[in-house]
C-alpha atoms as a PDB file:
ATOM      1  CA  MET A   1     -40.239 -22.823 -16.924  1.00  0.00           C
ATOM      2  CA  THR A   2     -39.859 -21.325 -13.484  1.00  0.00           C
ATOM      3  CA  LEU A   3     -40.213 -24.785 -11.921  1.00  0.00           C
ATOM      4  CA  ILE A   4     -37.602 -26.229 -14.280  1.00  0.00           C
ATOM      5  CA  GLY A   5     -35.203 -23.395 -13.421  1.00  0.00           C
ATOM      6  CA  GLU A   6     -35.783 -23.988  -9.694  1.00  0.00           C
ATOM      7  CA  ILE A   7     -35.159 -27.738 -10.049  1.00  0.00           C
ATOM      8  CA  ILE A   8     -31.850 -27.099 -11.946  1.00  0.00           C
ATOM      9  CA  ALA A   9     -30.760 -24.528  -9.394  1.00  0.00           C
ATOM     10  CA  VAL A  10     -31.565 -26.811  -6.449  1.00  0.00           C
ATOM     11  CA  PHE A  11     -29.728 -29.761  -8.140  1.00  0.00           C
ATOM     12  CA  LEU A  12     -26.601 -27.654  -8.828  1.00  0.00           C
ATOM     13  CA  THR A  13     -26.611 -26.242  -5.283  1.00  0.00           C
ATOM     14  CA  LEU A  14     -26.894 -29.735  -3.762  1.00  0.00           C
ATOM     15  CA  ALA A  15     -24.205 -31.007  -6.189  1.00  0.00           C
ATOM     16  CA  ILE A  16     -21.785 -28.372  -5.030  1.00  0.00           C
ATOM     17  CA  PHE A  17     -22.652 -29.100  -1.379  1.00  0.00           C
ATOM     18  CA  SER A  18     -22.003 -32.795  -1.946  1.00  0.00           C
ATOM     19  CA  PHE A  19     -18.298 -32.083  -1.983  1.00  0.00           C
ATOM     20  CA  LEU A  20     -18.593 -31.650   1.822  1.00  0.00           C
ATOM     21  CA  TYR A  21     -18.935 -35.446   1.926  1.00  0.00           C
ATOM     22  CA  LYS A  22     -16.337 -36.332  -0.734  1.00  0.00           C
ATOM     23  CA  ASP A  23     -15.420 -35.775  -4.368  1.00  0.00           C
ATOM     24  CA  ASN A  24     -18.110 -37.269  -6.620  1.00  0.00           C
ATOM     25  CA  PRO A  25     -19.388 -37.076 -10.210  1.00  0.00           C
ATOM     26  CA  ALA A  26     -22.250 -34.704  -9.294  1.00  0.00           C
ATOM     27  CA  TYR A  27     -19.816 -32.141  -7.829  1.00  0.00           C
ATOM     28  CA  ARG A  28     -17.476 -32.478 -10.822  1.00  0.00           C
ATOM     29  CA  PHE A  29     -20.344 -32.035 -13.258  1.00  0.00           C
ATOM     30  CA  ALA A  30     -21.413 -28.784 -11.463  1.00  0.00           C
ATOM     31  CA  GLU A  31     -17.816 -27.625 -11.294  1.00  0.00           C
ATOM     32  CA  TYR A  32     -17.193 -28.227 -14.992  1.00  0.00           C
ATOM     33  CA  LEU A  33     -20.539 -26.627 -15.862  1.00  0.00           C
ATOM     34  CA  ILE A  34     -19.797 -23.409 -14.052  1.00  0.00           C
ATOM     35  CA  VAL A  35     -16.275 -23.212 -15.661  1.00  0.00           C
ATOM     36  CA  GLY A  36     -17.833 -23.880 -19.068  1.00  0.00           C
ATOM     37  CA  VAL A  37     -20.613 -21.353 -18.676  1.00  0.00           C
ATOM     38  CA  THR A  38     -18.153 -18.715 -17.408  1.00  0.00           C
ATOM     39  CA  VAL A  39     -15.852 -19.200 -20.357  1.00  0.00           C
ATOM     40  CA  GLY A  40     -18.788 -19.344 -22.801  1.00  0.00           C
ATOM     41  CA  TYR A  41     -20.137 -16.116 -21.387  1.00  0.00           C
ATOM     42  CA  GLY A  42     -16.729 -14.446 -21.054  1.00  0.00           C
ATOM     43  CA  LEU A  43     -15.476 -14.999 -24.635  1.00  0.00           C
ATOM     44  CA  PRO A  44     -18.199 -13.093 -26.433  1.00  0.00           C
ATOM     45  CA  LEU A  45     -18.022 -10.435 -23.720  1.00  0.00           C
ATOM     46  CA  VAL A  46     -14.310  -9.945 -24.285  1.00  0.00           C
ATOM     47  CA  TYR A  47     -14.890  -9.885 -28.031  1.00  0.00           C
ATOM     48  CA  LYS A  48     -17.583  -7.233 -27.790  1.00  0.00           C
ATOM     49  CA  ASN A  49     -16.071  -5.037 -25.064  1.00  0.00           C
ATOM     50  CA  ALA A  50     -12.332  -5.377 -25.871  1.00  0.00           C
ATOM     51  CA  PHE A  51     -11.525  -6.910 -29.247  1.00  0.00           C
ATOM     52  CA  GLN A  52     -14.120  -5.086 -31.292  1.00  0.00           C
ATOM     53  CA  PRO A  53     -13.633  -1.527 -30.011  1.00  0.00           C
ATOM     54  CA  PHE A  54      -9.842  -1.677 -29.387  1.00  0.00           C
ATOM     55  CA  VAL A  55      -8.675  -3.861 -32.304  1.00  0.00           C
ATOM     56  CA  LEU A  56     -11.187  -3.968 -35.113  1.00  0.00           C
ATOM     57  CA  GLN A  57     -12.521  -0.447 -34.684  1.00  0.00           C
ATOM     58  CA  ARG A  58      -9.168   1.257 -34.109  1.00  0.00           C
ATOM     59  CA  ILE A  59      -7.186  -0.572 -36.846  1.00  0.00           C
ATOM     60  CA  PHE A  60      -9.682  -1.224 -39.665  1.00  0.00           C
ATOM     61  CA  VAL A  61     -12.078   1.676 -39.207  1.00  0.00           C
ATOM     62  CA  GLU A  62     -10.028   4.514 -37.712  1.00  0.00           C
ATOM     63  CA  HIS A  63      -6.799   3.287 -39.397  1.00  0.00           C
ATOM     64  CA  LYS A  64      -4.685   3.775 -36.250  1.00  0.00           C
ATOM     65  CA  PHE A  65      -2.020   1.197 -37.150  1.00  0.00           C
ATOM     66  CA  ILE A  66      -0.073   1.883 -33.896  1.00  0.00           C
ATOM     67  CA  PHE A  67      -2.543  -0.563 -32.300  1.00  0.00           C
ATOM     68  CA  LEU A  68      -0.887  -3.380 -34.286  1.00  0.00           C
ATOM     69  CA  ILE A  69       1.957  -3.335 -31.741  1.00  0.00           C
ATOM     70  CA  PRO A  70      -0.169  -4.479 -28.735  1.00  0.00           C
ATOM     71  CA  VAL A  71      -2.027  -6.905 -31.021  1.00  0.00           C
ATOM     72  CA  PHE A  72       1.366  -8.376 -31.991  1.00  0.00           C
ATOM     73  CA  PHE A  73       2.353  -8.828 -28.337  1.00  0.00           C
ATOM     74  CA  GLY A  74      -1.099 -10.243 -27.553  1.00  0.00           C
ATOM     75  CA  ILE A  75      -0.567 -12.830 -30.286  1.00  0.00           C
ATOM     76  CA  LEU A  76       2.771 -13.740 -28.710  1.00  0.00           C
ATOM     77  CA  PHE A  77       0.889 -14.804 -25.568  1.00  0.00           C
ATOM     78  CA  TRP A  78      -0.633 -17.703 -27.537  1.00  0.00           C
ATOM     79  CA  PHE A  79       2.792 -19.170 -28.225  1.00  0.00           C
ATOM     80  CA  ARG A  80       2.618 -20.375 -24.623  1.00  0.00           C
ATOM     81  CA  PHE A  81       0.865 -23.476 -25.940  1.00  0.00           C
ATOM     82  CA  SER A  82       3.735 -24.329 -28.315  1.00  0.00           C
ATOM     83  CA  ARG A  83       6.573 -26.599 -27.266  1.00  0.00           C
ATOM     84  CA  ASN A  84       9.086 -25.162 -29.672  1.00  0.00           C
ATOM     85  CA  TYR A  85       8.106 -21.461 -29.535  1.00  0.00           C
ATOM     86  CA  GLY A  86       6.810 -21.160 -26.033  1.00  0.00           C
ATOM     87  CA  TRP A  87       9.745 -18.836 -25.189  1.00  0.00           C
ATOM     88  CA  LEU A  88       8.161 -16.100 -27.351  1.00  0.00           C
ATOM     89  CA  SER A  89       5.382 -15.701 -24.715  1.00  0.00           C
ATOM     90  CA  ARG A  90       7.950 -14.489 -22.237  1.00  0.00           C
ATOM     91  CA  TYR A  91       8.368 -11.157 -24.047  1.00  0.00           C
ATOM     92  CA  PRO A  92       4.810  -9.861 -23.537  1.00  0.00           C
ATOM     93  CA  ILE A  93       4.831 -11.195 -19.953  1.00  0.00           C
ATOM     94  CA  ALA A  94       8.082  -9.321 -19.268  1.00  0.00           C
ATOM     95  CA  ILE A  95       6.733  -6.137 -20.814  1.00  0.00           C
ATOM     96  CA  SER A  96       3.415  -6.387 -18.890  1.00  0.00           C
ATOM     97  CA  MET A  97       5.222  -7.001 -15.630  1.00  0.00           C
ATOM     98  CA  GLY A  98       7.637  -4.133 -16.357  1.00  0.00           C
ATOM     99  CA  MET A  99       4.819  -1.775 -17.045  1.00  0.00           C
ATOM    100  CA  VAL A 100       2.880  -2.862 -14.011  1.00  0.00           C
ATOM    101  CA  GLY A 101       6.049  -2.450 -11.873  1.00  0.00           C
ATOM    102  CA  ALA A 102       6.692   0.968 -13.280  1.00  0.00           C
ATOM    103  CA  GLY A 103       3.083   1.945 -12.676  1.00  0.00           C
ATOM    104  CA  VAL A 104       3.200   0.716  -9.056  1.00  0.00           C
ATOM    105  CA  THR A 105       6.487   2.560  -8.540  1.00  0.00           C
ATOM    106  CA  MET A 106       5.052   5.813  -9.855  1.00  0.00           C
ATOM    107  CA  SER A 107       1.841   5.482  -7.889  1.00  0.00           C
ATOM    108  CA  MET A 108       3.876   4.615  -4.779  1.00  0.00           C
ATOM    109  CA  ASN A 109       4.726   8.268  -4.269  1.00  0.00           C
ATOM    110  CA  SER A 110       1.113   9.256  -4.005  1.00  0.00           C
ATOM    111  CA  MET A 111       0.247   6.302  -1.820  1.00  0.00           C
ATOM    112  CA  VAL A 112       3.146   6.903   0.552  1.00  0.00           C
ATOM    113  CA  LEU A 113       2.490  10.654   0.691  1.00  0.00           C
ATOM    114  CA  VAL A 114      -1.185  10.090   1.580  1.00  0.00           C
ATOM    115  CA  GLN A 115      -0.183   7.688   4.418  1.00  0.00           C
ATOM    116  CA  VAL A 116       2.513  10.071   5.698  1.00  0.00           C
ATOM    117  CA  ARG A 117       0.041  12.973   5.676  1.00  0.00           C
ATOM    118  CA  GLN A 118      -2.554  10.948   7.596  1.00  0.00           C
ATOM    119  CA  ALA A 119       0.118   9.983  10.206  1.00  0.00           C
ATOM    120  CA  MET A 120       1.067  13.713  10.741  1.00  0.00           C
ATOM    121  CA  ILE A 121      -2.255  14.956  12.129  1.00  0.00           C
ATOM    122  CA  PRO A 122      -2.386  16.249  15.722  1.00  0.00           C
ATOM    123  CA  LEU A 123      -2.926  13.597  18.365  1.00  0.00           C
ATOM    124  CA  GLU A 124      -6.198  15.074  19.625  1.00  0.00           C
ATOM    125  CA  THR A 125      -8.203  11.877  20.273  1.00  0.00           C
ATOM    126  CA  PHE A 126      -7.381   8.465  21.645  1.00  0.00           C
ATOM    127  CA  ASN A 127      -8.239   6.818  18.281  1.00  0.00           C
ATOM    128  CA  ILE A 128      -5.722   9.022  16.418  1.00  0.00           C
ATOM    129  CA  PHE A 129      -3.128   8.122  19.053  1.00  0.00           C
ATOM    130  CA  LEU A 130      -3.768   4.400  18.531  1.00  0.00           C
ATOM    131  CA  ILE A 131      -3.325   4.870  14.754  1.00  0.00           C
ATOM    132  CA  PHE A 132      -0.100   6.706  15.318  1.00  0.00           C
ATOM    133  CA  LEU A 133       1.208   4.105  17.808  1.00  0.00           C
ATOM    134  CA  GLY A 134       0.345   1.281  15.335  1.00  0.00           C
ATOM    135  CA  THR A 135       2.106   3.049  12.470  1.00  0.00           C
ATOM    136  CA  ILE A 136       5.286   3.642  14.451  1.00  0.00           C
ATOM    137  CA  THR A 137       5.469   0.202  16.112  1.00  0.00           C
ATOM    138  CA  VAL A 138       4.779  -1.692  12.862  1.00  0.00           C
ATOM    139  CA  MET A 139       7.586   0.346  11.229  1.00  0.00           C
ATOM    140  CA  PHE A 140       9.834  -0.613  14.094  1.00  0.00           C
ATOM    141  CA  TYR A 141       9.006  -4.290  13.515  1.00  0.00           C
ATOM    142  CA  PHE A 142      10.112  -4.083   9.836  1.00  0.00           C
ATOM    143  CA  PHE A 143      13.407  -2.366  10.644  1.00  0.00           C
ATOM    144  CA  PHE A 144      15.597  -5.439  10.488  1.00  0.00           C
ATOM    145  CA  SER A 145      19.069  -3.850  10.825  1.00  0.00           C
ATOM    146  CA  LYS A 146      18.625  -3.587  14.648  1.00  0.00           C
ATOM    147  CA  ALA A 147      18.062  -6.545  17.005  1.00  0.00           C
ATOM    148  CA  HIS A 148      14.587  -6.649  18.513  1.00  0.00           C
ATOM    149  CA  THR A 149      15.720  -6.564  22.082  1.00  0.00           C
ATOM    150  CA  GLY A 150      15.192  -4.310  25.087  1.00  0.00           C
ATOM    151  CA  LEU A 151      12.794  -1.332  24.747  1.00  0.00           C
ATOM    152  CA  TYR A 152      13.064  -1.514  20.933  1.00  0.00           C
ATOM    153  CA  GLY A 153      11.977  -5.123  21.055  1.00  0.00           C
ATOM    154  CA  LYS A 154       8.924  -4.253  23.192  1.00  0.00           C
ATOM    155  CA  PHE A 155       7.869  -1.592  20.687  1.00  0.00           C
ATOM    156  CA  SER A 156       8.235  -4.041  17.776  1.00  0.00           C
ATOM    157  CA  ARG A 157       6.143  -6.604  19.763  1.00  0.00           C
ATOM    158  CA  ILE A 158       3.393  -4.044  19.926  1.00  0.00           C
ATOM    159  CA  GLY A 159       3.694  -3.804  16.099  1.00  0.00           C
ATOM    160  CA  ILE A 160       3.226  -7.545  15.907  1.00  0.00           C
ATOM    161  CA  TRP A 161       0.013  -7.264  17.909  1.00  0.00           C
ATOM    162  CA  TYR A 162      -1.293  -4.560  15.584  1.00  0.00           C
ATOM    163  CA  MET A 163      -0.525  -6.673  12.523  1.00  0.00           C
ATOM    164  CA  MET A 164      -2.178  -9.782  14.078  1.00  0.00           C
ATOM    165  CA  ILE A 165      -5.315  -7.786  14.891  1.00  0.00           C
ATOM    166  CA  GLY A 166      -5.366  -6.434  11.329  1.00  0.00           C
ATOM    167  CA  PHE A 167      -4.865  -9.806   9.732  1.00  0.00           C
ATOM    168  CA  GLY A 168      -7.483 -11.371  12.058  1.00  0.00           C
ATOM    169  CA  ALA A 169     -10.019  -8.687  11.112  1.00  0.00           C
ATOM    170  CA  SER A 170      -9.284  -9.255   7.471  1.00  0.00           C
ATOM    171  CA  PHE A 171      -9.679 -13.019   7.827  1.00  0.00           C
ATOM    172  CA  GLY A 172     -12.845 -12.563   9.905  1.00  0.00           C
ATOM    173  CA  TYR A 173     -14.313 -10.374   7.144  1.00  0.00           C
ATOM    174  CA  THR A 174     -13.461 -13.021   4.495  1.00  0.00           C
ATOM    175  CA  VAL A 175     -15.068 -15.782   6.584  1.00  0.00           C
ATOM    176  CA  MET A 176     -18.148 -13.545   7.193  1.00  0.00           C
ATOM    177  CA  ALA A 177     -18.513 -13.072   3.478  1.00  0.00           C
ATOM    178  CA  ARG A 178     -18.363 -16.819   2.840  1.00  0.00           C
ATOM    179  CA  ILE A 179     -20.901 -17.494   5.610  1.00  0.00           C
ATOM    180  CA  SER A 180     -23.166 -14.893   4.049  1.00  0.00           C
ATOM    181  CA  LEU A 181     -23.029 -16.701   0.718  1.00  0.00           C
ATOM    182  CA  LEU A 182     -23.762 -20.032   2.551  1.00  0.00           C
ATOM    183  CA  ILE A 183     -26.758 -18.484   4.296  1.00  0.00           C
ATOM    184  CA  GLY A 184     -28.012 -17.164   0.985  1.00  0.00           C
ATOM    185  CA  ARG A 185     -27.856 -20.594  -0.619  1.00  0.00           C
ATOM    186  CA  LEU A 186     -29.493 -22.314   2.362  1.00  0.00           C
ATOM    187  CA  GLN A 187     -32.229 -19.619   2.422  1.00  0.00           C
ATOM    188  CA  PHE A 188     -32.752 -20.290  -1.343  1.00  0.00           C
ATOM    189  CA  LEU A 189     -33.133 -24.029  -0.731  1.00  0.00           C
ATOM    190  CA  ALA A 190     -35.507 -23.485   2.227  1.00  0.00           C
ATOM    191  CA  ASP A 191     -37.723 -21.072   0.277  1.00  0.00           C
ATOM    192  CA  THR A 192     -37.782 -23.265  -2.810  1.00  0.00           C
ATOM    193  CA  PHE A 193     -38.714 -26.451  -0.835  1.00  0.00           C
ATOM    194  CA  LYS A 194     -41.303 -24.493   1.070  1.00  0.00           C
ATOM    195  CA  GLY A 195     -42.802 -23.301  -2.228  1.00  0.00           C
ATOM    196  CA  TRP A 196     -42.907 -26.809  -3.609  1.00  0.00           C
ATOM    197  CA  ILE A 197     -44.589 -28.227  -0.462  1.00  0.00           C
ATOM    198  CA  ALA A 198     -47.136 -25.388  -0.333  1.00  0.00           C
END
């Protein structure tokens, strides 16, 4: 059984890598398989961890009928698949977005206060000075009611450099994570082939 599992894993890995050449049936099979397995695994997981404790348990066992309201709005999501009644799905989307927006707005105060507090520490070290300079210059860049000319323009240009360094570091981290996954897959293939040859 271990050998069969290894053969399947090697085939699926090579099928995904085959997309580097061009789109082909092997790649599409592996792609559809992973989507199907993910959905097949996710549905019972959602049923057990969400539907059972928060719908069946609360409504039919604990008799908390207030939970019928979110169930009703959850059912309205399914009207998205109807041509005639698709508009009904906009109501739960609007409520969800409104609640998320309200939550972000309320949490904004704590987020902003934390950032302001971190920017108001004494400039004792060079690193703290760099953080302070970056905070101020990036804020200058996003102040659009004044033209970015003269000394003000130079400060906003420093803010651009800070943002580009930040975005570059973030992108580099993303690429590093993808390369790490690639190395893991190549290491798996090398170890598996070495085991088969030995």
